[in-house]
Amino acid sequence: AAKFSFPSPFWDGVSDNAKDFITRLLQLDVARRFTATQVLQHAWISSAHKQDDFLYDDDDDDVDADTLP
């Protein structure tokens, strides 16, 4: 089995839904890994329009939208 973690403080602002999504994608066993259909049905993807399910918590205002490509 693959071993990985979401160490603090780097992942503290990442939602549980986003971490669950990443965990399901990083499965070594292909039979347990998400399919494209499962990806699209995951709560983090299907409800990405909800503020509380974004990748980062909204208290992280360090990104200036004007500097993004």
Foldseek 3Di string as FASTA:
>chain_A
DDDDDQDPPNQVFFAPLVVVLVVLQPDPPPVSHDDPVRSCVRPLNVVVVDQRSPGGHVVPPVDDPVPDD
